[in-house]
Amino acid sequence: MFNLDHQDRADAIVQKLSAMLTVTCGECGESFRMMADRIQDNYMWACADMARELQHLILDTSAAQQATPENDHA
């Protein structure tokens, strides 16, 4: 069965990560690149953590879907 909690969490992470990354490039990125290196590093670290969490949610959901009886082709 599809886990709606995983889907809701994944959707929230996508929205937050997209917003966070928007300020790192283009015209918005100019302000970001003027920040101290430590702040930029921590910011990108937070983005990477969110991307990893999203990856885990997707893999967990995929594994759960493959384990359901309706996906059994035997």
PDB file of N, CA and C in Angstrom:
ATOM      1  N   MET A   1       0.840  -1.195   0.000  1.00  0.00           N
ATOM      2  CA  MET A   1       0.000   0.000   0.000  1.00  0.00           C
ATOM      3  C   MET A   1       0.877   1.248   0.000  1.00  0.00           C
ATOM      4  N   PHE A   2       0.478   2.220  -0.752  1.00  0.00           N
ATOM      5  CA  PHE A   2       1.224   3.472  -0.868  1.00  0.00           C
ATOM      6  C   PHE A   2       1.143   4.258   0.430  1.00  0.00           C
ATOM      7  N   ASN A   3       2.265   4.742   0.915  1.00  0.00           N
ATOM      8  CA  ASN A   3       2.320   5.452   2.186  1.00  0.00           C
ATOM      9  C   ASN A   3       2.148   6.950   1.953  1.00  0.00           C
ATOM     10  N   LEU A   4       0.978   7.469   2.319  1.00  0.00           N
ATOM     11  CA  LEU A   4       0.697   8.893   2.109  1.00  0.00           C
ATOM     12  C   LEU A   4       1.572   9.774   2.986  1.00  0.00           C
ATOM     13  N   ASP A   5       1.970   9.286   4.159  1.00  0.00           N
ATOM     14  CA  ASP A   5       2.881  10.061   5.003  1.00  0.00           C
ATOM     15  C   ASP A   5       4.201  10.303   4.282  1.00  0.00           C
ATOM     16  N   HIS A   6       4.715   9.252   3.615  1.00  0.00           N
ATOM     17  CA  HIS A   6       5.947   9.400   2.843  1.00  0.00           C
ATOM     18  C   HIS A   6       5.748  10.401   1.707  1.00  0.00           C
ATOM     19  N   GLN A   7       4.614  10.302   1.018  1.00  0.00           N
ATOM     20  CA  GLN A   7       4.338  11.205  -0.099  1.00  0.00           C
ATOM     21  C   GLN A   7       4.212  12.644   0.378  1.00  0.00           C
ATOM     22  N   ASP A   8       3.503  12.854   1.469  1.00  0.00           N
ATOM     23  CA  ASP A   8       3.356  14.209   2.016  1.00  0.00           C
ATOM     24  C   ASP A   8       4.704  14.777   2.433  1.00  0.00           C
ATOM     25  N   ARG A   9       5.504  13.947   3.085  1.00  0.00           N
ATOM     26  CA  ARG A   9       6.837  14.392   3.524  1.00  0.00           C
ATOM     27  C   ARG A   9       7.709  14.708   2.305  1.00  0.00           C
ATOM     28  N   ALA A  10       7.677  13.855   1.293  1.00  0.00           N
ATOM     29  CA  ALA A  10       8.461  14.083   0.078  1.00  0.00           C
ATOM     30  C   ALA A  10       8.028  15.370  -0.615  1.00  0.00           C
ATOM     31  N   ASP A  11       6.725  15.592  -0.710  1.00  0.00           N
ATOM     32  CA  ASP A  11       6.218  16.820  -1.333  1.00  0.00           C
ATOM     33  C   ASP A  11       6.699  18.056  -0.586  1.00  0.00           C
ATOM     34  N   ALA A  12       6.667  18.002   0.742  1.00  0.00           N
ATOM     35  CA  ALA A  12       7.118  19.139   1.553  1.00  0.00           C
ATOM     36  C   ALA A  12       8.607  19.400   1.348  1.00  0.00           C
ATOM     37  N   ILE A  13       9.391  18.330   1.297  1.00  0.00           N
ATOM     38  CA  ILE A  13      10.837  18.493   1.103  1.00  0.00           C
ATOM     39  C   ILE A  13      11.124  19.090  -0.264  1.00  0.00           C
ATOM     40  N   VAL A  14      10.430  18.612  -1.290  1.00  0.00           N
ATOM     41  CA  VAL A  14      10.634  19.147  -2.643  1.00  0.00           C
ATOM     42  C   VAL A  14      10.355  20.645  -2.673  1.00  0.00           C
ATOM     43  N   GLN A  15       9.264  21.065  -2.059  1.00  0.00           N
ATOM     44  CA  GLN A  15       8.916  22.489  -2.046  1.00  0.00           C
ATOM     45  C   GLN A  15       9.969  23.316  -1.307  1.00  0.00           C
ATOM     46  N   LYS A  16      10.390  22.843  -0.140  1.00  0.00           N
ATOM     47  CA  LYS A  16      11.387  23.573   0.647  1.00  0.00           C
ATOM     48  C   LYS A  16      12.739  23.613  -0.053  1.00  0.00           C
ATOM     49  N   LEU A  17      13.167  22.470  -0.572  1.00  0.00           N
ATOM     50  CA  LEU A  17      14.467  22.397  -1.236  1.00  0.00           C
ATOM     51  C   LEU A  17      14.489  23.263  -2.487  1.00  0.00           C
ATOM     52  N   SER A  18      13.412  23.245  -3.235  1.00  0.00           N
ATOM     53  CA  SER A  18      13.312  24.089  -4.425  1.00  0.00           C
ATOM     54  C   SER A  18      13.442  25.564  -4.066  1.00  0.00           C
ATOM     55  N   ALA A  19      12.743  25.978  -3.021  1.00  0.00           N
ATOM     56  CA  ALA A  19      12.824  27.376  -2.576  1.00  0.00           C
ATOM     57  C   ALA A  19      14.233  27.728  -2.117  1.00  0.00           C
ATOM     58  N   MET A  20      14.847  26.820  -1.373  1.00  0.00           N
ATOM     59  CA  MET A  20      16.200  27.091  -0.875  1.00  0.00           C
ATOM     60  C   MET A  20      17.212  27.196  -2.015  1.00  0.00           C
ATOM     61  N   LEU A  21      17.098  26.324  -3.001  1.00  0.00           N
ATOM     62  CA  LEU A  21      18.060  26.341  -4.101  1.00  0.00           C
ATOM     63  C   LEU A  21      17.843  27.513  -5.050  1.00  0.00           C
ATOM     64  N   THR A  22      16.628  28.033  -5.111  1.00  0.00           N
ATOM     65  CA  THR A  22      16.337  29.179  -5.971  1.00  0.00           C
ATOM     66  C   THR A  22      17.218  30.375  -5.640  1.00  0.00           C
ATOM     67  N   VAL A  23      17.526  30.559  -4.363  1.00  0.00           N
ATOM     68  CA  VAL A  23      18.320  31.733  -3.965  1.00  0.00           C
ATOM     69  C   VAL A  23      19.820  31.536  -4.146  1.00  0.00           C
ATOM     70  N   THR A  24      20.233  30.406  -4.718  1.00  0.00           N
ATOM     71  CA  THR A  24      21.670  30.152  -4.886  1.00  0.00           C
ATOM     72  C   THR A  24      22.163  30.395  -6.309  1.00  0.00           C
ATOM     73  N   CYS A  25      21.264  30.694  -7.232  1.00  0.00           N
ATOM     74  CA  CYS A  25      21.702  30.867  -8.619  1.00  0.00           C
ATOM     75  C   CYS A  25      21.014  32.074  -9.260  1.00  0.00           C
ATOM     76  N   GLY A  26      21.524  32.459 -10.396  1.00  0.00           N
ATOM     77  CA  GLY A  26      20.971  33.610 -11.105  1.00  0.00           C
ATOM     78  C   GLY A  26      21.130  34.898 -10.323  1.00  0.00           C
ATOM     79  N   GLU A  27      20.218  35.838 -10.558  1.00  0.00           N
ATOM     80  CA  GLU A  27      20.276  37.121  -9.851  1.00  0.00           C
ATOM     81  C   GLU A  27      20.159  36.940  -8.345  1.00  0.00           C
ATOM     82  N   CYS A  28      19.307  36.036  -7.929  1.00  0.00           N
ATOM     83  CA  CYS A  28      19.155  35.773  -6.486  1.00  0.00           C
ATOM     84  C   CYS A  28      20.461  35.267  -5.884  1.00  0.00           C
ATOM     85  N   GLY A  29      21.219  34.532  -6.672  1.00  0.00           N
ATOM     86  CA  GLY A  29      22.460  33.944  -6.190  1.00  0.00           C
ATOM     87  C   GLY A  29      23.544  34.951  -5.869  1.00  0.00           C
ATOM     88  N   GLU A  30      23.425  36.163  -6.414  1.00  0.00           N
ATOM     89  CA  GLU A  30      24.438  37.181  -6.131  1.00  0.00           C
ATOM     90  C   GLU A  30      24.508  37.474  -4.637  1.00  0.00           C
ATOM     91  N   SER A  31      23.384  37.621  -4.000  1.00  0.00           N
ATOM     92  CA  SER A  31      23.355  37.857  -2.549  1.00  0.00           C
ATOM     93  C   SER A  31      23.888  36.647  -1.795  1.00  0.00           C
ATOM     94  N   PHE A  32      23.509  35.473  -2.253  1.00  0.00           N
ATOM     95  CA  PHE A  32      23.975  34.243  -1.605  1.00  0.00           C
ATOM     96  C   PHE A  32      25.499  34.156  -1.654  1.00  0.00           C
ATOM     97  N   ARG A  33      26.074  34.459  -2.814  1.00  0.00           N
ATOM     98  CA  ARG A  33      27.524  34.345  -2.982  1.00  0.00           C
ATOM     99  C   ARG A  33      28.300  35.407  -2.212  1.00  0.00           C
ATOM    100  N   MET A  34      27.608  36.438  -1.723  1.00  0.00           N
ATOM    101  CA  MET A  34      28.272  37.448  -0.902  1.00  0.00           C
ATOM    102  C   MET A  34      28.291  37.061   0.575  1.00  0.00           C
ATOM    103  N   MET A  35      27.577  36.010   0.922  1.00  0.00           N
ATOM    104  CA  MET A  35      27.565  35.552   2.310  1.00  0.00           C
ATOM    105  C   MET A  35      28.910  34.915   2.653  1.00  0.00           C
ATOM    106  N   ALA A  36      29.205  34.845   3.929  1.00  0.00           N
ATOM    107  CA  ALA A  36      30.440  34.204   4.388  1.00  0.00           C
ATOM    108  C   ALA A  36      30.476  32.747   3.918  1.00  0.00           C
ATOM    109  N   ASP A  37      31.675  32.262   3.643  1.00  0.00           N
ATOM    110  CA  ASP A  37      31.836  30.883   3.172  1.00  0.00           C
ATOM    111  C   ASP A  37      31.181  29.877   4.118  1.00  0.00           C
ATOM    112  N   ARG A  38      31.330  30.099   5.409  1.00  0.00           N
ATOM    113  CA  ARG A  38      30.764  29.179   6.401  1.00  0.00           C
ATOM    114  C   ARG A  38      29.243  29.122   6.282  1.00  0.00           C
ATOM    115  N   ILE A  39      28.614  30.248   6.073  1.00  0.00           N
ATOM    116  CA  ILE A  39      27.152  30.283   5.924  1.00  0.00           C
ATOM    117  C   ILE A  39      26.737  29.563   4.646  1.00  0.00           C
ATOM    118  N   GLN A  40      27.454  29.814   3.553  1.00  0.00           N
ATOM    119  CA  GLN A  40      27.153  29.130   2.295  1.00  0.00           C
ATOM    120  C   GLN A  40      27.310  27.617   2.450  1.00  0.00           C
ATOM    121  N   ASP A  41      28.400  27.198   3.102  1.00  0.00           N
ATOM    122  CA  ASP A  41      28.635  25.764   3.308  1.00  0.00           C
ATOM    123  C   ASP A  41      27.515  25.131   4.129  1.00  0.00           C
ATOM    124  N   ASN A  42      27.131  25.778   5.215  1.00  0.00           N
ATOM    125  CA  ASN A  42      26.061  25.241   6.058  1.00  0.00           C
ATOM    126  C   ASN A  42      24.727  25.198   5.315  1.00  0.00           C
ATOM    127  N   TYR A  43      24.469  26.209   4.509  1.00  0.00           N
ATOM    128  CA  TYR A  43      23.239  26.279   3.724  1.00  0.00           C
ATOM    129  C   TYR A  43      23.184  25.112   2.732  1.00  0.00           C
ATOM    130  N   MET A  44      24.294  24.905   2.019  1.00  0.00           N
ATOM    131  CA  MET A  44      24.330  23.825   1.036  1.00  0.00           C
ATOM    132  C   MET A  44      24.315  22.459   1.721  1.00  0.00           C
ATOM    133  N   TRP A  45      24.883  22.375   2.897  1.00  0.00           N
ATOM    134  CA  TRP A  45      24.840  21.142   3.683  1.00  0.00           C
ATOM    135  C   TRP A  45      23.385  20.811   4.025  1.00  0.00           C
ATOM    136  N   ALA A  46      22.622  21.821   4.429  1.00  0.00           N
ATOM    137  CA  ALA A  46      21.201  21.621   4.728  1.00  0.00           C
ATOM    138  C   ALA A  46      20.454  21.150   3.475  1.00  0.00           C
ATOM    139  N   CYS A  47      20.780  21.730   2.329  1.00  0.00           N
ATOM    140  CA  CYS A  47      20.151  21.306   1.072  1.00  0.00           C
ATOM    141  C   CYS A  47      20.495  19.851   0.761  1.00  0.00           C
ATOM    142  N   ALA A  48      21.752  19.483   0.951  1.00  0.00           N
ATOM    143  CA  ALA A  48      22.179  18.104   0.699  1.00  0.00           C
ATOM    144  C   ALA A  48      21.467  17.131   1.636  1.00  0.00           C
ATOM    145  N   ASP A  49      21.309  17.512   2.901  1.00  0.00           N
ATOM    146  CA  ASP A  49      20.584  16.664   3.853  1.00  0.00           C
ATOM    147  C   ASP A  49      19.145  16.450   3.400  1.00  0.00           C
ATOM    148  N   MET A  50      18.516  17.509   2.919  1.00  0.00           N
ATOM    149  CA  MET A  50      17.138  17.396   2.448  1.00  0.00           C
ATOM    150  C   MET A  50      17.059  16.493   1.217  1.00  0.00           C
ATOM    151  N   ALA A  51      18.020  16.617   0.321  1.00  0.00           N
ATOM    152  CA  ALA A  51      18.043  15.775  -0.876  1.00  0.00           C
ATOM    153  C   ALA A  51      18.222  14.304  -0.495  1.00  0.00           C
ATOM    154  N   ARG A  52      19.088  14.029   0.479  1.00  0.00           N
ATOM    155  CA  ARG A  52      19.278  12.651   0.941  1.00  0.00           C
ATOM    156  C   ARG A  52      18.000  12.104   1.584  1.00  0.00           C
ATOM    157  N   GLU A  53      17.337  12.925   2.379  1.00  0.00           N
ATOM    158  CA  GLU A  53      16.085  12.489   3.005  1.00  0.00           C
ATOM    159  C   GLU A  53      15.038  12.183   1.936  1.00  0.00           C
ATOM    160  N   LEU A  54      14.973  13.015   0.930  1.00  0.00           N
ATOM    161  CA  LEU A  54      14.041  12.794  -0.172  1.00  0.00           C
ATOM    162  C   LEU A  54      14.366  11.485  -0.893  1.00  0.00           C
ATOM    163  N   GLN A  55      15.642  11.250  -1.128  1.00  0.00           N
ATOM    164  CA  GLN A  55      16.063  10.010  -1.781  1.00  0.00           C
ATOM    165  C   GLN A  55      15.641   8.793  -0.952  1.00  0.00           C
ATOM    166  N   HIS A  56      15.831   8.843   0.359  1.00  0.00           N
ATOM    167  CA  HIS A  56      15.437   7.732   1.230  1.00  0.00           C
ATOM    168  C   HIS A  56      13.930   7.514   1.195  1.00  0.00           C
ATOM    169  N   LEU A  57      13.171   8.596   1.218  1.00  0.00           N
ATOM    170  CA  LEU A  57      11.712   8.463   1.155  1.00  0.00           C
ATOM    171  C   LEU A  57      11.274   7.805  -0.148  1.00  0.00           C
ATOM    172  N   ILE A  58      11.890   8.209  -1.243  1.00  0.00           N
ATOM    173  CA  ILE A  58      11.543   7.638  -2.550  1.00  0.00           C
ATOM    174  C   ILE A  58      11.903   6.159  -2.599  1.00  0.00           C
ATOM    175  N   LEU A  59      13.099   5.824  -2.118  1.00  0.00           N
ATOM    176  CA  LEU A  59      13.522   4.420  -2.127  1.00  0.00           C
ATOM    177  C   LEU A  59      12.642   3.567  -1.213  1.00  0.00           C
ATOM    178  N   ASP A  60      12.296   4.092  -0.036  1.00  0.00           N
ATOM    179  CA  ASP A  60      11.417   3.362   0.883  1.00  0.00           C
ATOM    180  C   ASP A  60      10.043   3.133   0.264  1.00  0.00           C
ATOM    181  N   THR A  61       9.506   4.155  -0.380  1.00  0.00           N
ATOM    182  CA  THR A  61       8.196   4.045  -1.014  1.00  0.00           C
ATOM    183  C   THR A  61       8.242   3.044  -2.159  1.00  0.00           C
ATOM    184  N   SER A  62       9.308   3.097  -2.950  1.00  0.00           N
ATOM    185  CA  SER A  62       9.468   2.172  -4.067  1.00  0.00           C
ATOM    186  C   SER A  62       9.565   0.732  -3.571  1.00  0.00           C
ATOM    187  N   ALA A  63      10.342   0.519  -2.522  1.00  0.00           N
ATOM    188  CA  ALA A  63      10.488  -0.824  -1.959  1.00  0.00           C
ATOM    189  C   ALA A  63       9.159  -1.325  -1.405  1.00  0.00           C
ATOM    190  N   ALA A  64       8.410  -0.453  -0.751  1.00  0.00           N
ATOM    191  CA  ALA A  64       7.116  -0.837  -0.188  1.00  0.00           C
ATOM    192  C   ALA A  64       6.129  -1.198  -1.292  1.00  0.00           C
ATOM    193  N   GLN A  65       6.156  -0.456  -2.385  1.00  0.00           N
ATOM    194  CA  GLN A  65       5.243  -0.736  -3.497  1.00  0.00           C
ATOM    195  C   GLN A  65       5.590  -2.065  -4.155  1.00  0.00           C
ATOM    196  N   GLN A  66       6.874  -2.376  -4.258  1.00  0.00           N
ATOM    197  CA  GLN A  66       7.288  -3.636  -4.875  1.00  0.00           C
ATOM    198  C   GLN A  66       6.938  -4.829  -4.000  1.00  0.00           C
ATOM    199  N   ALA A  67       6.802  -4.608  -2.707  1.00  0.00           N
ATOM    200  CA  ALA A  67       6.511  -5.693  -1.770  1.00  0.00           C
ATOM    201  C   ALA A  67       5.021  -5.988  -1.637  1.00  0.00           C
ATOM    202  N   THR A  68       4.173  -5.178  -2.248  1.00  0.00           N
ATOM    203  CA  THR A  68       2.729  -5.385  -2.112  1.00  0.00           C
ATOM    204  C   THR A  68       2.271  -6.539  -2.993  1.00  0.00           C
ATOM    205  N   PRO A  69       1.229  -7.274  -2.557  1.00  0.00           N
ATOM    206  CA  PRO A  69       0.732  -8.427  -3.316  1.00  0.00           C
ATOM    207  C   PRO A  69       0.286  -8.087  -4.734  1.00  0.00           C
ATOM    208  N   GLU A  70      -0.302  -6.907  -4.949  1.00  0.00           N
ATOM    209  CA  GLU A  70      -0.774  -6.581  -6.302  1.00  0.00           C
ATOM    210  C   GLU A  70       0.374  -6.398  -7.287  1.00  0.00           C
ATOM    211  N   ASN A  71       1.602  -6.260  -6.783  1.00  0.00           N
ATOM    212  CA  ASN A  71       2.765  -6.155  -7.658  1.00  0.00           C
ATOM    213  C   ASN A  71       3.455  -7.499  -7.837  1.00  0.00           C
ATOM    214  N   ASP A  72       2.890  -8.550  -7.261  1.00  0.00           N
ATOM    215  CA  ASP A  72       3.430  -9.898  -7.404  1.00  0.00           C
ATOM    216  C   ASP A  72       2.962 -10.451  -8.747  1.00  0.00           C
ATOM    217  N   HIS A  73       3.884 -10.809  -9.594  1.00  0.00           N
ATOM    218  CA  HIS A  73       3.529 -11.316 -10.922  1.00  0.00           C
ATOM    219  C   HIS A  73       3.704 -12.825 -10.999  1.00  0.00           C
ATOM    220  N   ALA A  74       3.828 -13.486  -9.879  1.00  0.00           N
ATOM    221  CA  ALA A  74       4.054 -14.933  -9.876  1.00  0.00           C
ATOM    222  C   ALA A  74       2.757 -15.703  -9.953  1.00  0.00           C
TER     223      ALA A  74
END
